[in-house]
């Protein structure tokens, strides 16, 4: 009997690839073959691999709901592992739990926390879906042996404290784009999530906050006491930060790095203090890594500012105070006042990170495959095989399924029109990315074995 095989669809290579590779590593140790493919190849994997199970990051869009039903008919199991699972807003939580797309066929749903599991149960998933709280798999990389992947070479360290500044102004980019771009982006939510009904209010809020943010950033940089790593959110347009950087003097530029490419875990483990912009997952990750945190406060909009998180961070709403606040927190980096409450919050919303979330997911999948029926592959159509051949052909050339050979030209000629396509292309995994991710995991295992 051939080994069962699983496809893990990867949405964003910066955020999701290493997680998928780690789950695949655990599955392969359990005797399951794994294929990591870009999200846009979700239909092509049927003809290419005849998988026993496919892992999605969501099954809420109507076309995916219909696709999940077809997979059920073919005998292919479906699993959902969200890449964003800390949802403090109750309406957002219920929407993401499937309130408006109950028709999806989901066999396994892996939640970051019990609040998400309860919301799924309330919307009717519990009767047909195995729901399991597993924590946050990407947080596994804050624990050995996987944290070895991000160990910094000591010689690269500066004598100045390294301050990591993480921005989170994704919606601000719509302020200067044609209104139709925002209308399309918010269309799935504006009539279903009350907080997103007036989405221009959200855009304006983030735009104002980003403008004010530069006052904090300039105070930190001009103090000349720190090295600054500026991390724009992966979905932000970083050009506004690069323009700001170009206006700095050469001397000040030497102390600033803008890094939108590195894995956030690497940056957090390498920093001495982390600064987030109102509620941001990076603050929680910094707690796990035992790094002191400061939260910049802007207009306290309830979509972006959550009191239960703010109460566990040192807050700053005045740029004139940020430098002294950084120095005081560096002098007492344990932030002991928050320690117990932070652990309770992590236990509630992240299932108590312990480095074994990906293993728990793999164990559940492996157990599911042991009792799974064979696939009904006679139900495949010519289009399935055609897409599968395309996927394998592009893979042999080192290209992703959604490769467009003319995209670079379209980008030059019509940059605004193709901005979204370029963004998707940049976050899409390629075969070489998968090879590199697997190699990093193997390297961390080898290094642990030497000790």
Protein backbone atom coordinates (compact mmCIF):
# COMPACT_ATOMS: atom_id res chain seq x y z
CA UNK A 1 0.00 0.00 0.00
CA UNK A 2 1.41 3.44 -0.91
CA UNK A 3 1.91 5.91 1.91
CA UNK A 4 -0.89 8.44 2.34
CA UNK A 5 -0.09 11.91 1.07
CA UNK A 6 -1.07 15.38 2.18
CA UNK A 7 -1.00 18.76 0.43
CA UNK A 8 -0.34 21.85 2.55
CA UNK A 9 -1.37 25.04 0.75
CA UNK A 10 0.85 28.00 1.62
CA UNK A 11 -0.61 31.51 1.45
CA UNK A 12 2.34 33.73 2.39
CA UNK A 13 5.90 32.47 2.19
CA UNK A 14 7.18 34.92 4.81
CA UNK A 15 4.58 34.01 7.40
CA UNK A 16 3.39 30.49 6.56
CA UNK A 17 6.07 28.52 4.73
CA UNK A 18 8.21 27.47 7.69
CA UNK A 19 5.08 26.41 9.58
CA UNK A 20 3.95 24.23 6.69
CA UNK A 21 7.45 22.77 6.39
CA UNK A 22 7.50 21.96 10.11
CA UNK A 23 4.10 20.23 9.97
CA UNK A 24 5.35 18.32 6.92
CA UNK A 25 8.49 17.31 8.81
CA UNK A 26 6.44 15.83 11.65
CA UNK A 27 4.06 14.12 9.22
CA UNK A 28 6.89 12.56 7.27
CA UNK A 29 8.32 11.18 10.49
CA UNK A 30 4.90 9.54 10.94
CA UNK A 31 5.04 7.99 7.46
CA UNK A 32 2.98 10.54 5.52
CA UNK A 33 4.20 12.04 2.25
CA UNK A 34 3.76 15.82 2.01
CA UNK A 35 3.59 18.38 -0.79
CA UNK A 36 3.87 22.12 -0.14
CA UNK A 37 2.19 24.18 -2.84
CA UNK A 38 1.08 27.81 -3.26
CA UNK A 39 -2.49 28.62 -2.34
CA UNK A 40 -3.39 29.41 -5.95
CA UNK A 41 -2.66 25.79 -6.91
CA UNK A 42 -5.54 24.48 -4.78
CA UNK A 43 -7.38 23.00 -7.79
CA UNK A 44 -4.25 21.71 -9.54
CA UNK A 45 -3.14 19.51 -6.64
CA UNK A 46 -6.00 17.07 -7.29
CA UNK A 47 -4.67 15.85 -10.61
CA UNK A 48 -1.04 16.28 -9.62
CA UNK A 49 -1.02 14.28 -6.37
CA UNK A 50 -4.43 12.66 -5.74
CA UNK A 51 -4.06 13.73 -2.10
CA UNK A 52 -5.72 12.07 0.85
CA UNK A 53 -6.03 15.40 2.68
CA UNK A 54 -5.57 19.08 1.85
CA UNK A 55 -4.79 21.74 4.46
CA UNK A 56 -6.30 25.19 3.73
CA UNK A 57 -5.91 28.45 5.63
CA UNK A 58 -9.66 29.07 5.28
CA UNK A 59 -12.76 27.74 3.50
CA UNK A 60 -15.03 30.76 3.72
CA UNK A 61 -15.03 32.13 0.15
CA UNK A 62 -17.95 30.81 -1.87
CA UNK A 63 -15.77 29.16 -4.52
CA UNK A 64 -13.83 27.33 -1.82
CA UNK A 65 -17.06 26.25 -0.13
CA UNK A 66 -18.16 24.63 -3.39
CA UNK A 67 -14.71 23.10 -3.88
CA UNK A 68 -14.74 21.57 -0.40
CA UNK A 69 -17.99 19.79 -1.23
CA UNK A 70 -16.44 18.32 -4.35
CA UNK A 71 -13.45 17.12 -2.34
CA UNK A 72 -15.85 15.35 0.01
CA UNK A 73 -17.41 13.56 -2.95
CA UNK A 74 -13.96 12.46 -4.10
CA UNK A 75 -13.06 11.17 -0.65
CA UNK A 76 -10.43 13.86 -0.01
CA UNK A 77 -10.32 15.08 3.59
CA UNK A 78 -10.18 18.81 4.25
CA UNK A 79 -8.48 20.57 7.14
CA UNK A 80 -8.38 24.26 8.01
CA UNK A 81 -5.45 25.85 9.83
CA UNK A 82 -5.99 29.64 10.09
CA UNK A 83 -2.96 31.87 9.64
CA UNK A 84 -4.65 34.57 11.73
CA UNK A 85 -6.43 33.20 14.77
CA UNK A 86 -6.35 35.78 17.57
CA UNK A 87 -9.64 37.58 17.00
CA UNK A 88 -10.56 39.77 19.95
CA UNK A 89 -13.56 41.38 18.25
CA UNK A 90 -16.59 39.10 18.71
CA UNK A 91 -18.15 39.97 15.34
CA UNK A 92 -14.89 39.34 13.50
CA UNK A 93 -14.51 36.05 15.36
CA UNK A 94 -17.98 34.87 14.40
CA UNK A 95 -17.44 35.84 10.76
CA UNK A 96 -14.16 33.94 10.59
CA UNK A 97 -15.80 31.00 12.32
CA UNK A 98 -17.99 30.61 9.27
CA UNK A 99 -21.20 32.39 10.19
CA UNK A 100 -21.83 33.37 6.57
CA UNK A 101 -20.42 30.26 4.84
CA UNK A 102 -21.82 27.30 6.71
CA UNK A 103 -21.97 25.13 3.59
CA UNK A 104 -18.27 24.26 3.57
CA UNK A 105 -17.31 20.64 4.15
CA UNK A 106 -14.52 20.70 6.73
CA UNK A 107 -13.32 17.48 8.31
CA UNK A 108 -10.73 18.99 10.69
CA UNK A 109 -10.42 22.51 12.03
CA UNK A 110 -7.30 23.48 13.99
CA UNK A 111 -7.93 26.46 16.27
CA UNK A 112 -5.40 28.68 17.99
CA UNK A 113 -7.61 29.04 21.06
CA UNK A 114 -10.77 27.86 22.78
CA UNK A 115 -12.66 31.07 21.93
CA UNK A 116 -12.41 30.17 18.24
CA UNK A 117 -13.52 26.59 18.93
CA UNK A 118 -16.56 27.82 20.84
CA UNK A 119 -17.46 30.21 18.01
CA UNK A 120 -17.23 27.36 15.51
CA UNK A 121 -19.49 25.24 17.68
CA UNK A 122 -22.02 28.07 17.89
CA UNK A 123 -22.17 28.30 14.09
CA UNK A 124 -22.86 24.60 13.68
CA UNK A 125 -19.48 23.15 12.74
CA UNK A 126 -19.18 20.86 15.73
CA UNK A 127 -21.75 18.43 14.35
CA UNK A 128 -19.71 17.56 11.27
CA UNK A 129 -16.17 18.73 12.00
CA UNK A 130 -13.47 17.58 14.39
CA UNK A 131 -12.38 20.81 16.06
CA UNK A 132 -9.09 20.79 17.93
CA UNK A 133 -7.33 23.56 19.84
CA UNK A 134 -3.64 23.29 18.96
CA UNK A 135 -2.17 26.73 19.67
CA UNK A 136 -0.15 28.78 17.19
CA UNK A 137 2.23 26.61 15.14
CA UNK A 138 4.46 29.46 14.05
CA UNK A 139 5.18 30.16 17.71
CA UNK A 140 7.00 26.78 17.80
CA UNK A 141 10.00 28.61 16.40
CA UNK A 142 10.58 30.37 19.70
CA UNK A 143 11.52 27.00 21.20
CA UNK A 144 14.45 24.65 20.65
CA UNK A 145 15.40 23.02 18.40
CA UNK A 146 13.54 25.17 15.86
CA UNK A 147 14.71 28.48 17.33
CA UNK A 148 18.23 27.51 16.22
CA UNK A 149 17.21 28.47 12.70
CA UNK A 150 17.24 32.10 13.78
CA UNK A 151 20.30 32.22 15.97
CA UNK A 152 22.26 35.36 15.17
CA UNK A 153 26.00 35.35 14.57
CA UNK A 154 27.49 37.19 17.58
CA UNK A 155 29.91 39.19 15.42
CA UNK A 156 26.95 40.90 13.75
CA UNK A 157 25.69 42.41 16.99
CA UNK A 158 26.07 46.14 17.58
CA UNK A 159 27.15 47.52 20.95
CA UNK A 160 23.97 49.61 20.97
CA UNK A 161 20.67 48.03 22.05
CA UNK A 162 18.67 46.73 19.10
CA UNK A 163 15.15 48.18 19.07
CA UNK A 164 12.67 46.41 16.81
CA UNK A 165 9.82 48.67 15.68
CA UNK A 166 6.88 46.81 14.12
CA UNK A 167 4.28 48.79 12.19
CA UNK A 168 0.74 47.63 11.51
CA UNK A 169 -0.91 50.22 9.27
CA UNK A 170 -2.15 47.95 6.50
CA UNK A 171 -5.36 49.86 5.80
CA UNK A 172 -3.49 53.17 5.43
CA UNK A 173 -2.40 52.22 1.90
CA UNK A 174 -5.96 52.64 0.61
CA UNK A 175 -5.92 56.33 1.50
CA UNK A 176 -3.97 57.25 -1.64
CA UNK A 177 -5.39 54.58 -3.95
CA UNK A 178 -8.51 54.85 -6.12
CA UNK A 179 -11.62 54.37 -3.92
CA UNK A 180 -12.59 51.31 -5.96
CA UNK A 181 -9.59 49.43 -4.53
CA UNK A 182 -10.88 49.87 -0.98
CA UNK A 183 -14.43 49.07 -2.06
CA UNK A 184 -13.30 45.73 -3.51
CA UNK A 185 -11.08 44.89 -0.57
CA UNK A 186 -13.74 45.47 2.09
CA UNK A 187 -16.67 44.10 0.07
CA UNK A 188 -16.72 40.67 1.82
CA UNK A 189 -16.94 42.25 5.28
CA UNK A 190 -18.64 45.65 5.13
CA UNK A 191 -22.19 44.26 5.35
CA UNK A 192 -21.34 41.32 7.60
CA UNK A 193 -19.04 42.74 10.27
CA UNK A 194 -20.47 45.86 11.96
CA UNK A 195 -17.02 47.20 12.85
CA UNK A 196 -16.08 47.19 9.15
CA UNK A 197 -19.28 48.86 7.94
CA UNK A 198 -17.67 52.31 7.74
CA UNK A 199 -14.36 51.11 6.36
CA UNK A 200 -13.26 54.58 5.34
CA UNK A 201 -13.19 55.43 9.02
CA UNK A 202 -10.74 52.54 9.49
CA UNK A 203 -8.61 53.75 6.58
CA UNK A 204 -8.51 57.30 7.94
CA UNK A 205 -7.67 56.04 11.42
CA UNK A 206 -4.67 54.07 10.18
CA UNK A 207 -3.55 56.87 7.88
CA UNK A 208 -3.54 59.38 10.76
CA UNK A 209 -1.80 56.87 13.02
CA UNK A 210 0.93 56.24 10.47
CA UNK A 211 1.58 59.95 10.09
CA UNK A 212 1.90 60.33 13.86
CA UNK A 213 4.07 57.22 14.07
CA UNK A 214 6.96 59.00 12.35
CA UNK A 215 7.24 61.39 15.30
CA UNK A 216 7.96 58.39 17.56
CA UNK A 217 10.35 56.88 15.03
CA UNK A 218 12.32 60.09 14.54
CA UNK A 219 12.68 60.57 18.29
CA UNK A 220 14.15 57.06 18.60
CA UNK A 221 16.51 57.45 15.66
CA UNK A 222 17.70 60.97 16.49
CA UNK A 223 18.54 59.93 20.05
CA UNK A 224 21.52 58.09 18.56
CA UNK A 225 21.52 55.50 21.36
CA UNK A 226 20.01 52.50 19.58
CA UNK A 227 20.19 50.49 16.42
CA UNK A 228 16.72 50.45 14.94
CA UNK A 229 15.17 47.67 12.89
CA UNK A 230 11.99 48.93 11.29
CA UNK A 231 9.63 46.11 10.37
CA UNK A 232 6.65 47.15 8.21
CA UNK A 233 3.78 44.69 8.28
CA UNK A 234 4.18 42.25 5.35
CA UNK A 235 0.95 43.58 3.81
CA UNK A 236 1.97 47.23 4.04
CA UNK A 237 3.41 49.34 1.26
CA UNK A 238 6.92 49.95 2.60
CA UNK A 239 7.70 52.76 0.15
CA UNK A 240 6.53 55.39 2.64
CA UNK A 241 9.17 54.18 5.11
CA UNK A 242 11.89 54.06 2.47
CA UNK A 243 11.11 57.64 1.48
CA UNK A 244 11.45 58.66 5.12
CA UNK A 245 14.75 56.76 5.35
CA UNK A 246 16.19 58.57 2.31
CA UNK A 247 15.66 61.90 4.07
CA UNK A 248 17.90 60.90 6.98
CA UNK A 249 21.52 61.98 7.12
CA UNK A 250 24.08 59.30 6.19
CA UNK A 251 25.15 59.09 9.84
CA UNK A 252 21.60 58.38 11.02
CA UNK A 253 20.97 55.93 8.19
CA UNK A 254 23.77 53.74 9.53
CA UNK A 255 21.72 53.05 12.63
CA UNK A 256 18.49 52.11 10.82
CA UNK A 257 17.50 48.99 8.89
CA UNK A 258 14.17 48.56 7.13
CA UNK A 259 13.44 44.84 7.01
CA UNK A 260 10.16 43.62 5.50
CA UNK A 261 11.62 40.33 4.25
CA UNK A 262 13.06 38.49 7.25
CA UNK A 263 10.98 36.09 9.27
CA UNK A 264 9.51 38.03 12.21
CA UNK A 265 10.70 35.36 14.64
CA UNK A 266 14.29 36.04 13.61
CA UNK A 267 13.86 39.76 14.24
CA UNK A 268 12.20 39.31 17.62
CA UNK A 269 14.81 36.84 18.87
CA UNK A 270 17.57 39.23 17.77
CA UNK A 271 16.16 42.38 19.37
CA UNK A 272 16.61 43.80 22.86
CA UNK A 273 13.22 45.51 22.93
CA UNK A 274 10.16 45.39 20.69
CA UNK A 275 7.77 48.23 19.91
CA UNK A 276 4.33 47.55 18.43
CA UNK A 277 1.71 49.94 17.12
CA UNK A 278 -1.41 49.36 19.24
CA UNK A 279 -2.62 45.74 19.32
CA UNK A 280 -0.27 43.50 17.35
CA UNK A 281 0.63 39.82 17.51
CA UNK A 282 4.32 40.80 17.58
CA UNK A 283 3.87 41.92 21.18
CA UNK A 284 2.61 38.47 22.18
CA UNK A 285 5.51 36.86 20.34
CA UNK A 286 7.90 39.13 22.21
CA UNK A 287 6.41 37.97 25.52
CA UNK A 288 7.12 34.37 24.51
CA UNK A 289 10.70 35.33 23.63
CA UNK A 290 11.05 37.19 26.96
CA UNK A 291 11.66 40.54 25.26
CA UNK A 292 10.44 43.79 26.83
CA UNK A 293 7.67 45.48 24.84
CA UNK A 294 6.27 48.97 24.41
CA UNK A 295 2.94 49.64 22.71
CA UNK A 296 2.50 52.94 20.87
CA UNK A 297 -1.00 54.34 21.28
CA UNK A 298 -2.78 56.48 18.69
CA UNK A 299 -6.53 57.09 18.53
CA UNK A 300 -7.59 53.92 20.44
CA UNK A 301 -9.98 52.84 17.71
CA UNK A 302 -11.67 49.63 18.96
CA UNK A 303 -10.75 47.70 15.81
CA UNK A 304 -7.03 48.30 16.39
CA UNK A 305 -6.72 48.91 20.14
CA UNK A 306 -7.75 46.22 22.61
CA UNK A 307 -7.63 47.10 26.32
CA UNK A 308 -6.98 43.51 27.43
CA UNK A 309 -3.71 43.49 25.45
CA UNK A 310 -2.78 47.09 26.19
CA UNK A 311 -3.02 46.35 29.92
CA UNK A 312 -0.12 43.90 29.49
CA UNK A 313 2.23 46.27 27.68
CA UNK A 314 4.03 49.46 28.61
CA UNK A 315 2.09 52.16 26.78
CA UNK A 316 3.35 55.34 25.15
CA UNK A 317 1.22 58.01 23.48
CA UNK A 318 3.76 60.87 23.53
CA UNK A 319 6.80 60.88 21.21
CA UNK A 320 8.65 63.08 23.71
CA UNK A 321 8.63 60.21 26.22
CA UNK A 322 9.56 57.28 24.00
CA UNK A 323 13.36 57.44 24.38
CA UNK A 324 13.31 57.57 28.19
CA UNK A 325 10.71 54.82 28.21
CA UNK A 326 12.90 52.58 26.05
CA UNK A 327 15.87 53.13 28.35
CA UNK A 328 13.86 52.38 31.48
CA UNK A 329 12.54 49.12 30.01
CA UNK A 330 15.98 48.06 28.83
CA UNK A 331 17.20 48.59 32.38
CA UNK A 332 14.55 46.15 33.67
CA UNK A 333 13.80 43.90 30.66
CA UNK A 334 11.93 41.25 32.66
CA UNK A 335 8.88 43.54 32.99
CA UNK A 336 7.94 41.41 35.99
CA UNK A 337 4.76 43.37 36.66
CA UNK A 338 3.14 41.76 33.62
CA UNK A 339 4.69 38.29 33.75
CA UNK A 340 1.85 36.24 35.27
CA UNK A 341 -0.93 38.06 33.42
CA UNK A 342 0.91 37.63 30.12
CA UNK A 343 1.18 33.89 30.68
CA UNK A 344 -2.56 33.73 31.38
CA UNK A 345 -3.29 35.68 28.22
CA UNK A 346 -1.04 33.39 26.16
CA UNK A 347 -2.75 30.36 27.68
CA UNK A 348 -6.18 31.75 26.78
CA UNK A 349 -5.48 33.01 23.27
CA UNK A 350 -2.53 30.84 22.14
CA UNK A 351 -3.13 27.61 24.08
CA UNK A 352 0.03 28.08 26.14
CA UNK A 353 2.89 28.04 23.57
CA UNK A 354 5.21 25.07 24.17
CA UNK A 355 6.92 24.37 20.83
CA UNK A 356 4.68 21.38 19.98
CA UNK A 357 1.72 22.92 18.16
CA UNK A 358 2.83 21.70 14.71
CA UNK A 359 3.40 18.22 16.14
CA UNK A 360 -0.15 18.12 17.52
CA UNK A 361 -1.52 19.04 14.11
CA UNK A 362 0.57 16.36 12.42
CA UNK A 363 -0.48 13.73 14.95
CA UNK A 364 -4.17 14.42 14.36
CA UNK A 365 -3.75 14.33 10.58
CA UNK A 366 -1.76 11.07 10.70
CA UNK A 367 -4.44 9.45 12.87
CA UNK A 368 -7.16 10.64 10.49
CA UNK A 369 -5.39 9.09 7.51
CA UNK A 370 -5.22 5.70 9.22
CA UNK A 371 -9.00 5.35 9.08
CA UNK A 372 -9.68 7.22 5.83
CA UNK A 373 -11.44 5.54 2.90
CA UNK A 374 -9.79 5.43 -0.54
CA UNK A 375 -10.34 8.32 -2.90
CA UNK A 376 -12.94 8.19 -5.68
CA UNK A 377 -10.48 9.14 -8.39
CA UNK A 378 -12.83 8.12 -11.19
CA UNK A 379 -14.56 11.41 -10.45
CA UNK A 380 -11.58 13.43 -11.69
CA UNK A 381 -12.12 15.38 -14.89
CA UNK A 382 -9.83 16.27 -17.77
CA UNK A 383 -9.49 19.80 -16.34
CA UNK A 384 -8.10 18.31 -13.11
CA UNK A 385 -5.41 16.41 -14.99
CA UNK A 386 -4.65 19.43 -17.18
CA UNK A 387 -4.10 21.62 -14.14
CA UNK A 388 -2.02 18.91 -12.50
CA UNK A 389 0.23 18.67 -15.56
CA UNK A 390 0.61 22.46 -15.56
CA UNK A 391 1.56 22.43 -11.88
CA UNK A 392 4.18 19.72 -12.35
CA UNK A 393 5.53 21.33 -15.50
CA UNK A 394 6.02 24.70 -13.83
CA UNK A 395 7.52 23.02 -10.78
CA UNK A 396 10.11 21.34 -12.98
CA UNK A 397 11.12 24.83 -14.12
CA UNK A 398 11.21 26.14 -10.54
CA UNK A 399 8.12 28.28 -11.06
CA UNK A 400 4.86 28.59 -9.08
CA UNK A 401 1.47 27.65 -10.48
CA UNK A 402 0.34 31.26 -10.84
CA UNK A 403 3.47 32.31 -12.77
CA UNK A 404 2.90 35.12 -15.28
CA UNK A 405 5.90 35.66 -17.60
CA UNK A 406 4.67 39.14 -18.53
CA UNK A 407 4.00 40.40 -15.02
CA UNK A 408 7.27 42.33 -14.83
CA UNK A 409 6.30 44.20 -18.01
CA UNK A 410 2.73 44.82 -16.85
CA UNK A 411 4.11 46.14 -13.55
CA UNK A 412 6.31 48.66 -15.37
CA UNK A 413 3.61 49.83 -17.74
CA UNK A 414 0.64 49.85 -15.33
CA UNK A 415 2.04 49.82 -11.77
CA UNK A 416 -1.18 50.76 -10.00
CA UNK A 417 -3.38 48.41 -12.01
CA UNK A 418 -1.17 45.40 -11.28
CA UNK A 419 -0.14 46.26 -7.73
CA UNK A 420 -2.32 43.49 -6.26
CA UNK A 421 -0.98 40.92 -8.72
CA UNK A 422 2.57 41.89 -7.84
CA UNK A 423 1.78 41.56 -4.13
CA UNK A 424 0.40 38.06 -4.67
CA UNK A 425 3.42 37.10 -6.74
CA UNK A 426 5.82 38.30 -4.06
CA UNK A 427 4.17 36.25 -1.32
CA UNK A 428 3.83 33.08 -3.41
CA UNK A 429 6.16 30.17 -2.64
CA UNK A 430 8.42 28.70 -5.31
CA UNK A 431 9.97 25.23 -5.30
CA UNK A 432 13.33 26.65 -4.19
CA UNK A 433 11.65 28.29 -1.19
CA UNK A 434 10.33 24.91 -0.08
CA UNK A 435 13.76 23.32 -0.47
CA UNK A 436 15.35 26.08 1.60
CA UNK A 437 12.73 25.81 4.34
CA UNK A 438 13.19 22.06 4.63
CA UNK A 439 16.96 22.51 4.71
CA UNK A 440 16.72 25.02 7.56
CA UNK A 441 14.70 22.58 9.63
CA UNK A 442 17.14 19.77 8.97
CA UNK A 443 20.05 22.02 9.89
CA UNK A 444 18.48 22.83 13.27
CA UNK A 445 17.99 19.11 13.93
CA UNK A 446 21.60 18.36 12.98
CA UNK A 447 22.93 21.11 15.24
CA UNK A 448 20.92 19.80 18.17
CA UNK A 449 22.38 16.34 17.58
CA UNK A 450 25.93 17.70 17.84
CA UNK A 451 25.38 18.96 21.38
